[in-house]
């Protein structure tokens, strides 16, 4: 909602209407504080976690499909992952009955 307000103020300014910079600064401060910054490098960074998650998914997929997930195209990888998830969900439902 705040981003929408900021955009409206900026468009008003572009159209030549008087807009106080303070209004924009207040919204900017809110937006900057709304999200916690994340580290992308290092052992605990987003990059390392993404690599570990990818490796874990590859190990899990290797148990269900004959093709090496690392050799798949991006589309193949995600479609295979969705199919395995769907089958696991169906199997879980079958156990509940």
PDB file of N, CA and C in Angstrom:
ATOM      1  N   UNK A   1       0.823  -1.188   0.000  1.00  0.00           N
ATOM      2  CA  UNK A   1       0.000   0.000   0.000  1.00  0.00           C
ATOM      3  C   UNK A   1       0.870   1.256   0.000  1.00  0.00           C
ATOM      4  N   UNK A   2       1.955   1.213   0.775  1.00  0.00           N
ATOM      5  CA  UNK A   2       2.844   2.384   0.836  1.00  0.00           C
ATOM      6  C   UNK A   2       3.524   2.642  -0.509  1.00  0.00           C
ATOM      7  N   UNK A   3       3.864   1.557  -1.189  1.00  0.00           N
ATOM      8  CA  UNK A   3       4.503   1.713  -2.493  1.00  0.00           C
ATOM      9  C   UNK A   3       3.550   2.385  -3.468  1.00  0.00           C
ATOM     10  N   UNK A   4       2.290   2.026  -3.373  1.00  0.00           N
ATOM     11  CA  UNK A   4       1.271   2.644  -4.223  1.00  0.00           C
ATOM     12  C   UNK A   4       1.163   4.146  -3.913  1.00  0.00           C
ATOM     13  N   UNK A   5       1.188   4.497  -2.619  1.00  0.00           N
ATOM     14  CA  UNK A   5       1.138   5.910  -2.223  1.00  0.00           C
ATOM     15  C   UNK A   5       2.339   6.665  -2.777  1.00  0.00           C
ATOM     16  N   UNK A   6       3.528   6.041  -2.658  1.00  0.00           N
ATOM     17  CA  UNK A   6       4.749   6.692  -3.148  1.00  0.00           C
ATOM     18  C   UNK A   6       4.677   6.902  -4.655  1.00  0.00           C
ATOM     19  N   UNK A   7       4.209   5.886  -5.350  1.00  0.00           N
ATOM     20  CA  UNK A   7       4.096   5.984  -6.805  1.00  0.00           C
ATOM     21  C   UNK A   7       3.147   7.109  -7.201  1.00  0.00           C
ATOM     22  N   UNK A   8       2.028   7.209  -6.494  1.00  0.00           N
ATOM     23  CA  UNK A   8       1.069   8.280  -6.779  1.00  0.00           C
ATOM     24  C   UNK A   8       1.701   9.653  -6.557  1.00  0.00           C
ATOM     25  N   UNK A   9       2.439   9.793  -5.457  1.00  0.00           N
ATOM     26  CA  UNK A   9       3.112  11.067  -5.187  1.00  0.00           C
ATOM     27  C   UNK A   9       4.120  11.413  -6.279  1.00  0.00           C
ATOM     28  N   UNK A  10       4.869  10.422  -6.715  1.00  0.00           N
ATOM     29  CA  UNK A  10       5.866  10.657  -7.768  1.00  0.00           C
ATOM     30  C   UNK A  10       5.194  11.036  -9.085  1.00  0.00           C
ATOM     31  N   UNK A  11       4.082  10.371  -9.394  1.00  0.00           N
ATOM     32  CA  UNK A  11       3.361  10.719 -10.619  1.00  0.00           C
ATOM     33  C   UNK A  11       2.771  12.131 -10.533  1.00  0.00           C
ATOM     34  N   UNK A  12       2.270  12.481  -9.356  1.00  0.00           N
ATOM     35  CA  UNK A  12       1.768  13.842  -9.154  1.00  0.00           C
ATOM     36  C   UNK A  12       2.875  14.861  -9.387  1.00  0.00           C
ATOM     37  N   UNK A  13       4.067  14.553  -8.865  1.00  0.00           N
ATOM     38  CA  UNK A  13       5.216  15.451  -9.043  1.00  0.00           C
ATOM     39  C   UNK A  13       5.570  15.573 -10.526  1.00  0.00           C
ATOM     40  N   UNK A  14       5.565  14.453 -11.238  1.00  0.00           N
ATOM     41  CA  UNK A  14       5.890  14.474 -12.674  1.00  0.00           C
ATOM     42  C   UNK A  14       4.888  15.328 -13.440  1.00  0.00           C
ATOM     43  N   UNK A  15       3.627  15.300 -13.007  1.00  0.00           N
ATOM     44  CA  UNK A  15       2.578  16.077 -13.664  1.00  0.00           C
ATOM     45  C   UNK A  15       2.626  17.550 -13.283  1.00  0.00           C
ATOM     46  N   UNK A  16       3.568  17.924 -12.428  1.00  0.00           N
ATOM     47  CA  UNK A  16       3.732  19.321 -12.077  1.00  0.00           C
ATOM     48  C   UNK A  16       3.001  19.757 -10.816  1.00  0.00           C
ATOM     49  N   UNK A  17       2.379  18.832 -10.130  1.00  0.00           N
ATOM     50  CA  UNK A  17       1.696  19.176  -8.888  1.00  0.00           C
ATOM     51  C   UNK A  17       2.726  19.319  -7.760  1.00  0.00           C
ATOM     52  N   UNK A  18       2.370  20.108  -6.768  1.00  0.00           N
ATOM     53  CA  UNK A  18       3.259  20.316  -5.636  1.00  0.00           C
ATOM     54  C   UNK A  18       3.159  19.136  -4.670  1.00  0.00           C
ATOM     55  N   UNK A  19       4.294  18.502  -4.441  1.00  0.00           N
ATOM     56  CA  UNK A  19       4.372  17.368  -3.524  1.00  0.00           C
ATOM     57  C   UNK A  19       5.523  17.640  -2.568  1.00  0.00           C
ATOM     58  N   UNK A  20       5.242  17.528  -1.279  1.00  0.00           N
ATOM     59  CA  UNK A  20       6.296  17.746  -0.291  1.00  0.00           C
ATOM     60  C   UNK A  20       7.244  16.546  -0.269  1.00  0.00           C
ATOM     61  N   UNK A  21       8.522  16.837  -0.322  1.00  0.00           N
ATOM     62  CA  UNK A  21       9.531  15.775  -0.286  1.00  0.00           C
ATOM     63  C   UNK A  21       9.432  14.993   1.016  1.00  0.00           C
ATOM     64  N   UNK A  22       8.985  15.657   2.076  1.00  0.00           N
ATOM     65  CA  UNK A  22       8.870  14.996   3.377  1.00  0.00           C
ATOM     66  C   UNK A  22       7.912  13.812   3.306  1.00  0.00           C
ATOM     67  N   UNK A  23       6.823  13.944   2.535  1.00  0.00           N
ATOM     68  CA  UNK A  23       5.866  12.836   2.389  1.00  0.00           C
ATOM     69  C   UNK A  23       6.547  11.618   1.769  1.00  0.00           C
ATOM     70  N   UNK A  24       7.335  11.865   0.748  1.00  0.00           N
ATOM     71  CA  UNK A  24       8.041  10.782   0.059  1.00  0.00           C
ATOM     72  C   UNK A  24       9.099  10.181   0.990  1.00  0.00           C
ATOM     73  N   UNK A  25       9.803  11.033   1.725  1.00  0.00           N
ATOM     74  CA  UNK A  25      10.846  10.554   2.637  1.00  0.00           C
ATOM     75  C   UNK A  25      10.273   9.657   3.728  1.00  0.00           C
ATOM     76  N   UNK A  26       9.094   9.993   4.238  1.00  0.00           N
ATOM     77  CA  UNK A  26       8.455   9.175   5.274  1.00  0.00           C
ATOM     78  C   UNK A  26       8.143   7.783   4.729  1.00  0.00           C
ATOM     79  N   UNK A  27       7.605   7.737   3.515  1.00  0.00           N
ATOM     80  CA  UNK A  27       7.285   6.443   2.895  1.00  0.00           C
ATOM     81  C   UNK A  27       8.566   5.663   2.609  1.00  0.00           C
ATOM     82  N   UNK A  28       9.596   6.357   2.108  1.00  0.00           N
ATOM     83  CA  UNK A  28      10.879   5.699   1.846  1.00  0.00           C
ATOM     84  C   UNK A  28      11.458   5.079   3.112  1.00  0.00           C
ATOM     85  N   UNK A  29      11.408   5.830   4.211  1.00  0.00           N
ATOM     86  CA  UNK A  29      11.938   5.320   5.487  1.00  0.00           C
ATOM     87  C   UNK A  29      11.170   4.080   5.920  1.00  0.00           C
ATOM     88  N   UNK A  30       9.858   4.104   5.762  1.00  0.00           N
ATOM     89  CA  UNK A  30       9.039   2.938   6.117  1.00  0.00           C
ATOM     90  C   UNK A  30       9.424   1.730   5.266  1.00  0.00           C
ATOM     91  N   UNK A  31       9.549   1.940   3.950  1.00  0.00           N
ATOM     92  CA  UNK A  31       9.873   0.833   3.053  1.00  0.00           C
ATOM     93  C   UNK A  31      11.253   0.259   3.343  1.00  0.00           C
ATOM     94  N   UNK A  32      12.200   1.115   3.665  1.00  0.00           N
ATOM     95  CA  UNK A  32      13.549   0.631   3.956  1.00  0.00           C
ATOM     96  C   UNK A  32      13.604  -0.149   5.262  1.00  0.00           C
ATOM     97  N   UNK A  33      12.751   0.185   6.206  1.00  0.00           N
ATOM     98  CA  UNK A  33      12.747  -0.513   7.488  1.00  0.00           C
ATOM     99  C   UNK A  33      11.837  -1.737   7.484  1.00  0.00           C
ATOM    100  N   UNK A  34      11.008  -1.868   6.467  1.00  0.00           N
ATOM    101  CA  UNK A  34      10.030  -2.955   6.426  1.00  0.00           C
ATOM    102  C   UNK A  34      10.680  -4.321   6.210  1.00  0.00           C
ATOM    103  N   UNK A  35      11.804  -4.358   5.526  1.00  0.00           N
ATOM    104  CA  UNK A  35      12.454  -5.636   5.247  1.00  0.00           C
ATOM    105  C   UNK A  35      13.821  -5.691   5.911  1.00  0.00           C
ATOM    106  N   UNK A  36      14.076  -6.803   6.544  1.00  0.00           N
ATOM    107  CA  UNK A  36      15.368  -7.029   7.171  1.00  0.00           C
ATOM    108  C   UNK A  36      16.387  -7.352   6.080  1.00  0.00           C
ATOM    109  N   UNK A  37      17.530  -6.698   6.080  1.00  0.00           N
ATOM    110  CA  UNK A  37      18.537  -7.006   5.052  1.00  0.00           C
ATOM    111  C   UNK A  37      19.079  -8.428   5.246  1.00  0.00           C
ATOM    112  N   UNK A  38      19.390  -9.077   4.145  1.00  0.00           N
ATOM    113  CA  UNK A  38      19.915 -10.439   4.212  1.00  0.00           C
ATOM    114  C   UNK A  38      21.318 -10.475   3.628  1.00  0.00           C
ATOM    115  N   UNK A  39      22.109 -11.386   4.154  1.00  0.00           N
ATOM    116  CA  UNK A  39      23.467 -11.567   3.656  1.00  0.00           C
ATOM    117  C   UNK A  39      23.438 -12.597   2.533  1.00  0.00           C
ATOM    118  N   UNK A  40      24.087 -12.304   1.435  1.00  0.00           N
ATOM    119  CA  UNK A  40      24.076 -13.206   0.286  1.00  0.00           C
ATOM    120  C   UNK A  40      25.354 -14.031   0.165  1.00  0.00           C
ATOM    121  N   UNK A  41      26.378 -13.725   0.936  1.00  0.00           N
ATOM    122  CA  UNK A  41      27.634 -14.463   0.841  1.00  0.00           C
ATOM    123  C   UNK A  41      27.982 -15.059   2.199  1.00  0.00           C
ATOM    124  N   UNK A  42      28.969 -15.914   2.208  1.00  0.00           N
ATOM    125  CA  UNK A  42      29.401 -16.548   3.455  1.00  0.00           C
ATOM    126  C   UNK A  42      28.669 -17.854   3.720  1.00  0.00           C
ATOM    127  N   UNK A  43      29.075 -18.520   4.774  1.00  0.00           N
ATOM    128  CA  UNK A  43      28.530 -19.840   5.099  1.00  0.00           C
ATOM    129  C   UNK A  43      27.043 -19.810   5.410  1.00  0.00           C
ATOM    130  N   UNK A  44      26.562 -18.729   5.994  1.00  0.00           N
ATOM    131  CA  UNK A  44      25.147 -18.619   6.345  1.00  0.00           C
ATOM    132  C   UNK A  44      24.366 -17.748   5.364  1.00  0.00           C
ATOM    133  N   UNK A  45      24.998 -17.393   4.258  1.00  0.00           N
ATOM    134  CA  UNK A  45      24.358 -16.513   3.287  1.00  0.00           C
ATOM    135  C   UNK A  45      23.341 -17.218   2.419  1.00  0.00           C
ATOM    136  N   UNK A  46      22.549 -16.417   1.732  1.00  0.00           N
ATOM    137  CA  UNK A  46      21.510 -16.940   0.847  1.00  0.00           C
ATOM    138  C   UNK A  46      22.083 -17.855  -0.225  1.00  0.00           C
ATOM    139  N   UNK A  47      23.231 -17.480  -0.780  1.00  0.00           N
ATOM    140  CA  UNK A  47      23.827 -18.281  -1.854  1.00  0.00           C
ATOM    141  C   UNK A  47      24.166 -19.682  -1.365  1.00  0.00           C
ATOM    142  N   UNK A  48      24.830 -19.781  -0.216  1.00  0.00           N
ATOM    143  CA  UNK A  48      25.215 -21.083   0.332  1.00  0.00           C
ATOM    144  C   UNK A  48      23.987 -21.917   0.658  1.00  0.00           C
ATOM    145  N   UNK A  49      22.976 -21.295   1.240  1.00  0.00           N
ATOM    146  CA  UNK A  49      21.751 -22.022   1.574  1.00  0.00           C
ATOM    147  C   UNK A  49      21.042 -22.524   0.316  1.00  0.00           C
ATOM    148  N   UNK A  50      21.067 -21.723  -0.739  1.00  0.00           N
ATOM    149  CA  UNK A  50      20.441 -22.141  -1.999  1.00  0.00           C
ATOM    150  C   UNK A  50      21.165 -23.348  -2.592  1.00  0.00           C
ATOM    151  N   UNK A  51      22.482 -23.333  -2.528  1.00  0.00           N
ATOM    152  CA  UNK A  51      23.271 -24.454  -3.053  1.00  0.00           C
ATOM    153  C   UNK A  51      22.979 -25.725  -2.265  1.00  0.00           C
ATOM    154  N   UNK A  52      22.940 -25.619  -0.948  1.00  0.00           N
ATOM    155  CA  UNK A  52      22.655 -26.778  -0.099  1.00  0.00           C
ATOM    156  C   UNK A  52      21.250 -27.304  -0.385  1.00  0.00           C
ATOM    157  N   UNK A  53      20.279 -26.409  -0.501  1.00  0.00           N
ATOM    158  CA  UNK A  53      18.906 -26.829  -0.808  1.00  0.00           C
ATOM    159  C   UNK A  53      18.828 -27.527  -2.164  1.00  0.00           C
ATOM    160  N   UNK A  54      19.542 -27.006  -3.150  1.00  0.00           N
ATOM    161  CA  UNK A  54      19.560 -27.618  -4.478  1.00  0.00           C
ATOM    162  C   UNK A  54      20.128 -29.028  -4.391  1.00  0.00           C
ATOM    163  N   UNK A  55      21.228 -29.189  -3.666  1.00  0.00           N
ATOM    164  CA  UNK A  55      21.851 -30.508  -3.520  1.00  0.00           C
ATOM    165  C   UNK A  55      20.902 -31.481  -2.817  1.00  0.00           C
ATOM    166  N   UNK A  56      20.209 -31.012  -1.785  1.00  0.00           N
ATOM    167  CA  UNK A  56      19.248 -31.861  -1.073  1.00  0.00           C
ATOM    168  C   UNK A  56      18.117 -32.310  -1.995  1.00  0.00           C
ATOM    169  N   UNK A  57      17.628 -31.395  -2.812  1.00  0.00           N
ATOM    170  CA  UNK A  57      16.552 -31.735  -3.745  1.00  0.00           C
ATOM    171  C   UNK A  57      17.048 -32.737  -4.780  1.00  0.00           C
ATOM    172  N   UNK A  58      18.278 -32.555  -5.258  1.00  0.00           N
ATOM    173  CA  UNK A  58      18.843 -33.501  -6.231  1.00  0.00           C
ATOM    174  C   UNK A  58      18.934 -34.901  -5.641  1.00  0.00           C
ATOM    175  N   UNK A  59      19.354 -35.005  -4.394  1.00  0.00           N
ATOM    176  CA  UNK A  59      19.440 -36.306  -3.731  1.00  0.00           C
ATOM    177  C   UNK A  59      18.058 -36.948  -3.649  1.00  0.00           C
ATOM    178  N   UNK A  60      17.063 -36.154  -3.274  1.00  0.00           N
ATOM    179  CA  UNK A  60      15.698 -36.677  -3.167  1.00  0.00           C
ATOM    180  C   UNK A  60      15.160 -37.099  -4.538  1.00  0.00           C
ATOM    181  N   UNK A  61      15.413 -36.304  -5.568  1.00  0.00           N
ATOM    182  CA  UNK A  61      14.921 -36.654  -6.906  1.00  0.00           C
ATOM    183  C   UNK A  61      15.602 -37.899  -7.451  1.00  0.00           C
ATOM    184  N   UNK A  62      16.871 -38.100  -7.124  1.00  0.00           N
ATOM    185  CA  UNK A  62      17.598 -39.291  -7.584  1.00  0.00           C
ATOM    186  C   UNK A  62      16.922 -40.573  -7.122  1.00  0.00           C
ATOM    187  N   UNK A  63      16.196 -40.506  -6.017  1.00  0.00           N
ATOM    188  CA  UNK A  63      15.504 -41.681  -5.503  1.00  0.00           C
ATOM    189  C   UNK A  63      14.234 -41.987  -6.285  1.00  0.00           C
ATOM    190  N   UNK A  64      13.750 -41.031  -7.077  1.00  0.00           N
ATOM    191  CA  UNK A  64      12.470 -41.197  -7.765  1.00  0.00           C
ATOM    192  C   UNK A  64      12.561 -41.218  -9.289  1.00  0.00           C
ATOM    193  N   UNK A  65      13.631 -40.707  -9.844  1.00  0.00           N
ATOM    194  CA  UNK A  65      13.759 -40.665 -11.309  1.00  0.00           C
ATOM    195  C   UNK A  65      15.132 -41.188 -11.725  1.00  0.00           C
ATOM    196  N   UNK A  66      15.213 -41.848 -12.878  1.00  0.00           N
ATOM    197  CA  UNK A  66      16.494 -42.417 -13.306  1.00  0.00           C
ATOM    198  C   UNK A  66      17.495 -41.377 -13.826  1.00  0.00           C
ATOM    199  N   UNK A  67      17.010 -40.225 -14.288  1.00  0.00           N
ATOM    200  CA  UNK A  67      17.899 -39.215 -14.860  1.00  0.00           C
ATOM    201  C   UNK A  67      18.507 -38.351 -13.756  1.00  0.00           C
ATOM    202  N   UNK A  68      19.790 -38.020 -13.920  1.00  0.00           N
ATOM    203  CA  UNK A  68      20.484 -37.165 -12.949  1.00  0.00           C
ATOM    204  C   UNK A  68      19.877 -35.758 -12.992  1.00  0.00           C
ATOM    205  N   UNK A  69      19.344 -35.279 -11.877  1.00  0.00           N
ATOM    206  CA  UNK A  69      18.715 -33.957 -11.853  1.00  0.00           C
ATOM    207  C   UNK A  69      19.656 -32.824 -12.275  1.00  0.00           C
ATOM    208  N   UNK A  70      20.948 -33.000 -12.061  1.00  0.00           N
ATOM    209  CA  UNK A  70      21.908 -31.957 -12.430  1.00  0.00           C
ATOM    210  C   UNK A  70      22.089 -31.873 -13.945  1.00  0.00           C
ATOM    211  N   UNK A  71      21.657 -32.912 -14.650  1.00  0.00           N
ATOM    212  CA  UNK A  71      21.768 -32.919 -16.103  1.00  0.00           C
ATOM    213  C   UNK A  71      20.477 -32.474 -16.787  1.00  0.00           C
ATOM    214  N   UNK A  72      19.459 -32.193 -15.993  1.00  0.00           N
ATOM    215  CA  UNK A  72      18.158 -31.781 -16.538  1.00  0.00           C
ATOM    216  C   UNK A  72      18.162 -30.291 -16.887  1.00  0.00           C
ATOM    217  N   UNK A  73      17.282 -29.944 -17.808  1.00  0.00           N
ATOM    218  CA  UNK A  73      17.066 -28.523 -18.063  1.00  0.00           C
ATOM    219  C   UNK A  73      16.301 -27.954 -16.877  1.00  0.00           C
ATOM    220  N   UNK A  74      16.232 -26.658 -16.794  1.00  0.00           N
ATOM    221  CA  UNK A  74      15.507 -26.025 -15.689  1.00  0.00           C
ATOM    222  C   UNK A  74      14.048 -26.457 -15.698  1.00  0.00           C
ATOM    223  N   UNK A  75      13.442 -26.471 -16.880  1.00  0.00           N
ATOM    224  CA  UNK A  75      12.043 -26.880 -16.993  1.00  0.00           C
ATOM    225  C   UNK A  75      11.858 -28.326 -16.559  1.00  0.00           C
ATOM    226  N   UNK A  76      12.729 -29.216 -17.030  1.00  0.00           N
ATOM    227  CA  UNK A  76      12.656 -30.629 -16.628  1.00  0.00           C
ATOM    228  C   UNK A  76      12.776 -30.779 -15.114  1.00  0.00           C
ATOM    229  N   UNK A  77      13.741 -30.056 -14.548  1.00  0.00           N
ATOM    230  CA  UNK A  77      13.989 -30.151 -13.115  1.00  0.00           C
ATOM    231  C   UNK A  77      12.744 -29.782 -12.319  1.00  0.00           C
ATOM    232  N   UNK A  78      12.165 -28.623 -12.621  1.00  0.00           N
ATOM    233  CA  UNK A  78      11.020 -28.168 -11.842  1.00  0.00           C
ATOM    234  C   UNK A  78       9.755 -28.974 -12.121  1.00  0.00           C
ATOM    235  N   UNK A  79       9.568 -29.432 -13.346  1.00  0.00           N
ATOM    236  CA  UNK A  79       8.407 -30.284 -13.639  1.00  0.00           C
ATOM    237  C   UNK A  79       8.542 -31.624 -12.916  1.00  0.00           C
ATOM    238  N   UNK A  80       9.759 -32.180 -12.912  1.00  0.00           N
ATOM    239  CA  UNK A  80       9.994 -33.436 -12.196  1.00  0.00           C
ATOM    240  C   UNK A  80       9.753 -33.243 -10.704  1.00  0.00           C
ATOM    241  N   UNK A  81      10.247 -32.155 -10.169  1.00  0.00           N
ATOM    242  CA  UNK A  81      10.047 -31.861  -8.751  1.00  0.00           C
ATOM    243  C   UNK A  81       8.563 -31.754  -8.425  1.00  0.00           C
ATOM    244  N   UNK A  82       7.808 -31.051  -9.247  1.00  0.00           N
ATOM    245  CA  UNK A  82       6.364 -30.918  -9.009  1.00  0.00           C
ATOM    246  C   UNK A  82       5.651 -32.261  -9.109  1.00  0.00           C
ATOM    247  N   UNK A  83       6.055 -33.085 -10.069  1.00  0.00           N
ATOM    248  CA  UNK A  83       5.448 -34.404 -10.228  1.00  0.00           C
ATOM    249  C   UNK A  83       5.728 -35.286  -9.012  1.00  0.00           C
ATOM    250  N   UNK A  84       6.963 -35.283  -8.536  1.00  0.00           N
ATOM    251  CA  UNK A  84       7.318 -36.079  -7.362  1.00  0.00           C
ATOM    252  C   UNK A  84       6.545 -35.584  -6.139  1.00  0.00           C
ATOM    253  N   UNK A  85       6.428 -34.266  -5.997  1.00  0.00           N
ATOM    254  CA  UNK A  85       5.649 -33.706  -4.874  1.00  0.00           C
ATOM    255  C   UNK A  85       4.190 -34.156  -4.951  1.00  0.00           C
ATOM    256  N   UNK A  86       3.630 -34.096  -6.159  1.00  0.00           N
ATOM    257  CA  UNK A  86       2.226 -34.481  -6.344  1.00  0.00           C
ATOM    258  C   UNK A  86       2.023 -35.956  -5.991  1.00  0.00           C
ATOM    259  N   UNK A  87       2.930 -36.822  -6.460  1.00  0.00           N
ATOM    260  CA  UNK A  87       2.822 -38.246  -6.160  1.00  0.00           C
ATOM    261  C   UNK A  87       2.969 -38.515  -4.665  1.00  0.00           C
ATOM    262  N   UNK A  88       3.873 -37.790  -4.008  1.00  0.00           N
ATOM    263  CA  UNK A  88       4.055 -37.957  -2.572  1.00  0.00           C
ATOM    264  C   UNK A  88       2.805 -37.527  -1.814  1.00  0.00           C
ATOM    265  N   UNK A  89       2.190 -36.464  -2.275  1.00  0.00           N
ATOM    266  CA  UNK A  89       0.956 -35.988  -1.642  1.00  0.00           C
ATOM    267  C   UNK A  89      -0.170 -37.008  -1.819  1.00  0.00           C
ATOM    268  N   UNK A  90      -0.268 -37.574  -3.012  1.00  0.00           N
ATOM    269  CA  UNK A  90      -1.295 -38.583  -3.274  1.00  0.00           C
ATOM    270  C   UNK A  90      -1.050 -39.831  -2.419  1.00  0.00           C
ATOM    271  N   UNK A  91       0.210 -40.218  -2.296  1.00  0.00           N
ATOM    272  CA  UNK A  91       0.531 -41.392  -1.478  1.00  0.00           C
ATOM    273  C   UNK A  91       0.192 -41.126  -0.014  1.00  0.00           C
ATOM    274  N   UNK A  92       0.423 -39.914   0.438  1.00  0.00           N
ATOM    275  CA  UNK A  92       0.112 -39.544   1.819  1.00  0.00           C
ATOM    276  C   UNK A  92      -1.400 -39.600   2.060  1.00  0.00           C
ATOM    277  N   UNK A  93      -2.163 -39.143   1.099  1.00  0.00           N
ATOM    278  CA  UNK A  93      -3.622 -39.202   1.218  1.00  0.00           C
ATOM    279  C   UNK A  93      -4.095 -40.648   1.263  1.00  0.00           C
ATOM    280  N   UNK A  94      -3.472 -41.518   0.470  1.00  0.00           N
ATOM    281  CA  UNK A  94      -3.846 -42.933   0.443  1.00  0.00           C
ATOM    282  C   UNK A  94      -3.573 -43.609   1.770  1.00  0.00           C
ATOM    283  N   UNK A  95      -2.528 -43.193   2.473  1.00  0.00           N
ATOM    284  CA  UNK A  95      -2.208 -43.783   3.774  1.00  0.00           C
ATOM    285  C   UNK A  95      -3.219 -43.378   4.841  1.00  0.00           C
ATOM    286  N   UNK A  96      -3.788 -42.207   4.704  1.00  0.00           N
ATOM    287  CA  UNK A  96      -4.730 -41.695   5.698  1.00  0.00           C
ATOM    288  C   UNK A  96      -6.068 -42.425   5.653  1.00  0.00           C
ATOM    289  N   UNK A  97      -6.381 -42.978   4.528  1.00  0.00           N
ATOM    290  CA  UNK A  97      -7.695 -43.636   4.356  1.00  0.00           C
ATOM    291  C   UNK A  97      -7.740 -44.980   4.951  1.00  0.00           C
TER     292      UNK A  97
END
